[in-house]
Protein backbone atom coordinates (compact mmCIF):
# COMPACT_ATOMS: atom_id res chain seq x y z
CA MET A 1 -0.03 -0.07 -0.09
CA CYS A 2 2.93 2.48 0.88
CA LYS A 3 4.50 1.74 -2.49
CA ILE A 4 1.33 2.61 -4.26
CA LEU A 5 0.83 5.86 -2.44
CA THR A 6 4.51 6.84 -3.33
CA ILE A 7 4.07 5.98 -6.86
CA LEU A 8 0.83 8.27 -6.89
CA PHE A 9 2.55 11.07 -5.19
CA MET A 10 5.59 10.91 -7.66
CA LEU A 11 3.28 10.87 -10.76
CA SER A 12 1.37 14.00 -9.30
CA LEU A 13 4.52 16.02 -8.85
CA PRO A 14 4.91 17.19 -12.57
CA ALA A 15 1.27 18.63 -12.41
CA PHE A 16 2.50 21.12 -9.67
CA SER A 17 5.85 21.85 -11.04
CA GLY A 18 4.67 24.26 -13.79
CA GLU A 19 4.12 28.00 -13.54
CA VAL A 20 1.11 28.95 -11.39
CA LYS A 21 -1.08 31.48 -12.98
CA LYS A 22 -2.38 34.25 -10.77
CA ALA A 23 -6.13 34.10 -10.56
CA ALA A 24 -8.27 37.34 -10.67
CA PRO A 25 -8.96 38.48 -7.24
CA VAL A 26 -12.29 37.79 -6.00
CA ALA A 27 -14.20 41.03 -6.51
CA ALA A 28 -16.75 42.39 -4.21
CA PHE A 29 -19.97 43.39 -6.03
CA LYS A 30 -22.69 45.96 -5.53
CA VAL A 31 -25.95 46.46 -7.29
CA PHE A 32 -26.08 49.21 -9.93
CA THR A 33 -29.33 50.47 -11.23
CA MET A 34 -29.62 52.62 -14.41
CA ASP A 35 -31.78 55.70 -14.56
CA GLY A 36 -35.47 54.99 -13.84
CA GLU A 37 -34.65 51.32 -13.14
CA LEU A 38 -34.13 50.64 -16.91
CA PHE A 39 -31.78 47.85 -15.84
CA SER A 40 -29.91 46.73 -12.89
CA CYS A 41 -26.86 44.24 -12.50
CA ASN A 42 -24.23 43.38 -10.11
CA VAL A 43 -21.03 45.38 -10.72
CA PRO A 44 -17.48 45.04 -9.32
CA SER A 45 -17.20 47.56 -6.61
CA GLY A 46 -13.46 48.19 -7.02
CA TRP A 47 -13.80 48.97 -10.78
CA GLN A 48 -14.25 52.69 -12.00
CA GLN A 49 -17.81 53.66 -13.13
CA GLU A 50 -18.21 56.13 -15.97
CA ARG A 51 -20.96 57.57 -17.85
CA ASP A 52 -20.99 60.29 -20.46
CA LEU A 53 -24.42 62.00 -19.99
CA LYS A 54 -24.09 64.41 -23.03
CA LYS A 55 -23.09 61.57 -25.30
CA GLU A 56 -25.97 59.45 -23.95
CA LYS A 57 -28.63 62.12 -24.70
CA ARG A 58 -27.02 62.80 -28.29
CA ASP A 59 -26.76 59.05 -29.14
CA LYS A 60 -30.07 57.82 -27.52
CA THR A 61 -27.87 55.35 -25.64
CA LEU A 62 -27.63 54.77 -21.91
CA GLN A 63 -24.37 53.20 -21.18
CA LEU A 64 -22.31 52.32 -17.98
CA GLU A 65 -18.67 51.78 -18.65
CA LEU A 66 -16.78 49.88 -15.95
CA LEU A 67 -12.87 50.21 -16.14
CA GLY A 68 -11.04 47.31 -14.47
CA PRO A 69 -7.37 46.44 -14.20
CA ARG A 70 -4.82 47.10 -16.97
CA ALA A 71 -2.77 44.49 -18.81
CA ASP A 72 -0.59 44.73 -21.82
CA LYS A 73 -0.90 48.42 -21.63
CA SER A 74 -4.69 48.18 -22.19
CA PRO A 75 -7.70 48.27 -19.84
CA VAL A 76 -10.26 45.50 -19.00
CA ILE A 77 -13.64 47.02 -19.73
CA ILE A 78 -17.23 46.08 -19.27
CA TYR A 79 -20.09 47.96 -20.89
CA ALA A 80 -23.79 47.58 -19.84
CA ALA A 81 -25.91 49.71 -22.31
CA PHE A 82 -29.46 50.14 -23.60
CA TYR A 83 -29.72 51.30 -27.20
CA LEU A 84 -33.09 52.75 -28.44
CA ASN A 85 -34.02 51.40 -31.87
CA SER A 86 -34.25 55.06 -33.08
CA GLY A 87 -30.54 55.70 -31.89
CA ASN A 88 -27.76 57.10 -33.81
CA TYR A 89 -25.64 53.89 -34.11
CA PHE A 90 -27.87 50.89 -34.61
CA LYS A 91 -31.31 50.41 -36.02
CA ASN A 92 -31.96 47.42 -33.89
CA TYR A 93 -30.14 44.43 -32.10
CA LYS A 94 -29.73 42.68 -35.42
CA ASP A 95 -27.93 45.60 -36.87
CA TYR A 96 -25.74 45.63 -33.79
CA ILE A 97 -24.88 42.01 -34.24
CA ASP A 98 -24.30 42.35 -38.03
CA LYS A 99 -21.88 45.22 -37.45
CA ASN A 100 -19.99 43.63 -34.66
CA SER A 101 -20.13 39.88 -35.35
CA LYS A 102 -18.06 39.61 -38.67
CA ASP A 103 -15.03 41.05 -40.31
CA SER A 104 -16.29 43.97 -42.27
CA TRP A 105 -12.76 45.19 -43.15
CA GLY A 106 -11.18 42.03 -44.37
CA GLU A 107 -8.65 41.78 -41.60
CA THR A 108 -7.68 38.22 -41.83
CA GLU A 109 -6.17 38.19 -38.30
CA ASP A 110 -9.32 38.84 -36.63
CA ARG A 111 -11.52 35.95 -35.56
CA TYR A 112 -15.29 35.77 -34.94
CA SER A 113 -17.45 32.97 -33.37
CA ALA A 114 -20.88 32.10 -34.52
CA VAL A 115 -23.78 34.08 -33.12
CA ASN A 116 -25.89 31.72 -30.92
CA GLU A 117 -29.30 32.41 -29.44
CA ILE A 118 -29.48 31.53 -25.71
CA LYS A 119 -31.49 32.46 -22.55
CA LEU A 120 -30.07 34.86 -20.15
CA GLY A 121 -31.99 35.65 -17.17
CA GLY A 122 -35.02 33.80 -18.64
CA ARG A 123 -34.96 36.19 -21.74
CA LYS A 124 -34.05 35.48 -25.27
CA ALA A 125 -30.53 36.74 -25.90
CA PHE A 126 -27.71 36.34 -28.46
CA VAL A 127 -24.06 35.66 -27.70
CA PHE A 128 -20.87 35.93 -29.72
CA ASP A 129 -17.24 36.75 -29.27
CA ARG A 130 -14.36 38.04 -31.38
CA GLU A 131 -10.65 38.37 -31.21
CA VAL A 132 -9.08 41.48 -32.84
CA LYS A 133 -5.57 43.06 -32.89
CA THR A 134 -5.98 46.63 -32.02
CA SER A 135 -3.62 49.55 -31.85
CA LEU A 136 -2.61 50.87 -28.46
CA ASN A 137 -2.37 54.43 -29.64
CA PRO A 138 -3.86 54.92 -33.02
CA GLU A 139 -2.58 58.53 -33.27
CA ALA A 140 1.20 57.37 -32.68
CA SER A 141 3.51 56.07 -35.23
CA SER A 142 4.82 53.26 -32.88
CA GLY A 143 2.59 50.68 -34.18
CA GLU A 144 2.23 48.91 -30.91
CA THR A 145 -0.69 46.61 -30.86
CA VAL A 146 -2.44 44.24 -28.38
CA GLN A 147 -4.58 41.18 -28.95
CA ILE A 148 -8.18 41.81 -27.53
CA ILE A 149 -10.90 39.17 -26.97
CA GLU A 150 -14.29 40.44 -26.63
CA LYS A 151 -17.68 38.91 -25.60
CA PHE A 152 -21.07 40.18 -26.32
CA TYR A 153 -24.60 39.56 -24.99
CA LEU A 154 -27.49 41.12 -26.77
CA ILE A 155 -30.96 41.22 -25.27
CA PRO A 156 -33.86 42.32 -27.41
CA ALA A 157 -36.41 44.70 -25.67
CA LYS A 158 -39.55 46.48 -26.63
CA GLU A 159 -38.01 49.79 -27.65
CA GLY A 160 -34.54 48.86 -28.13
CA PHE A 161 -32.02 46.35 -26.90
CA TYR A 162 -29.44 45.70 -24.24
CA ALA A 163 -25.87 45.13 -25.09
CA LEU A 164 -23.43 43.73 -22.47
CA HIS A 165 -19.87 43.85 -23.90
CA PHE A 166 -16.59 42.51 -22.24
CA TYR A 167 -13.30 43.86 -23.66
CA ALA A 168 -9.94 42.46 -22.36
CA PRO A 169 -6.40 41.81 -23.42
CA LYS A 170 -6.09 38.17 -24.41
CA SER A 171 -3.42 37.60 -21.77
CA VAL A 172 -6.08 38.32 -18.93
CA TYR A 173 -9.38 37.45 -20.74
CA LYS A 174 -9.97 34.08 -18.87
CA GLN A 175 -8.81 35.71 -15.64
CA TYR A 176 -11.56 38.49 -15.66
CA LEU A 177 -14.30 36.63 -17.63
CA PRO A 178 -15.97 35.39 -14.50
CA VAL A 179 -16.38 38.99 -13.43
CA PHE A 180 -18.25 39.81 -16.70
CA GLU A 181 -20.28 36.51 -16.44
CA ARG A 182 -21.46 37.39 -12.92
CA LEU A 183 -22.60 40.75 -14.18
CA ALA A 184 -24.43 39.12 -17.09
CA LYS A 185 -26.19 36.59 -14.87
CA SER A 186 -27.41 39.13 -12.56
CA PHE A 187 -28.74 41.51 -15.31
CA LYS A 188 -32.27 42.26 -15.27
CA GLY A 189 -33.82 44.80 -17.84
CA LYS A 190 -37.28 46.10 -18.72
CA PRO A 191 -39.00 44.14 -21.37
């Protein structure tokens, strides 16, 4: 019996000898409610919350931006937004999906997943992701880029649609994805 335990212990050593990846710190969450209870969700309390009220009014889009940690000179960002069907950017959720789920510019390095219909919070929703290379400073001549992975949830509503959007450098995407998924699972919006 002792020989068997020794052999099992020796076989398990290689599994622990590799580099240990640092897990995302467990974030504390708090409830965020958008104007007039349009939507609510759990947001990481340590992340910076931003809204641009002038832009929201101009674009007919209510949007919460959550700025998280930085990696590879780029922030991790979560957006939770409501787009009116009569807004300035998208006619409806199908238009949003069409403009964000495929390569419109012929960039062969970018990768897009299929768009899948799912249930999110008991409601019909759509999910897809993409991986793109983006410039760290489009106005500089340095040409520094970072590989970004984005995940999207779109939830149709009566007068528009909700968009939940996760943006992270590829190196930390899996590390912070659980934060986004917790926000998405807690999301409640008006029909």
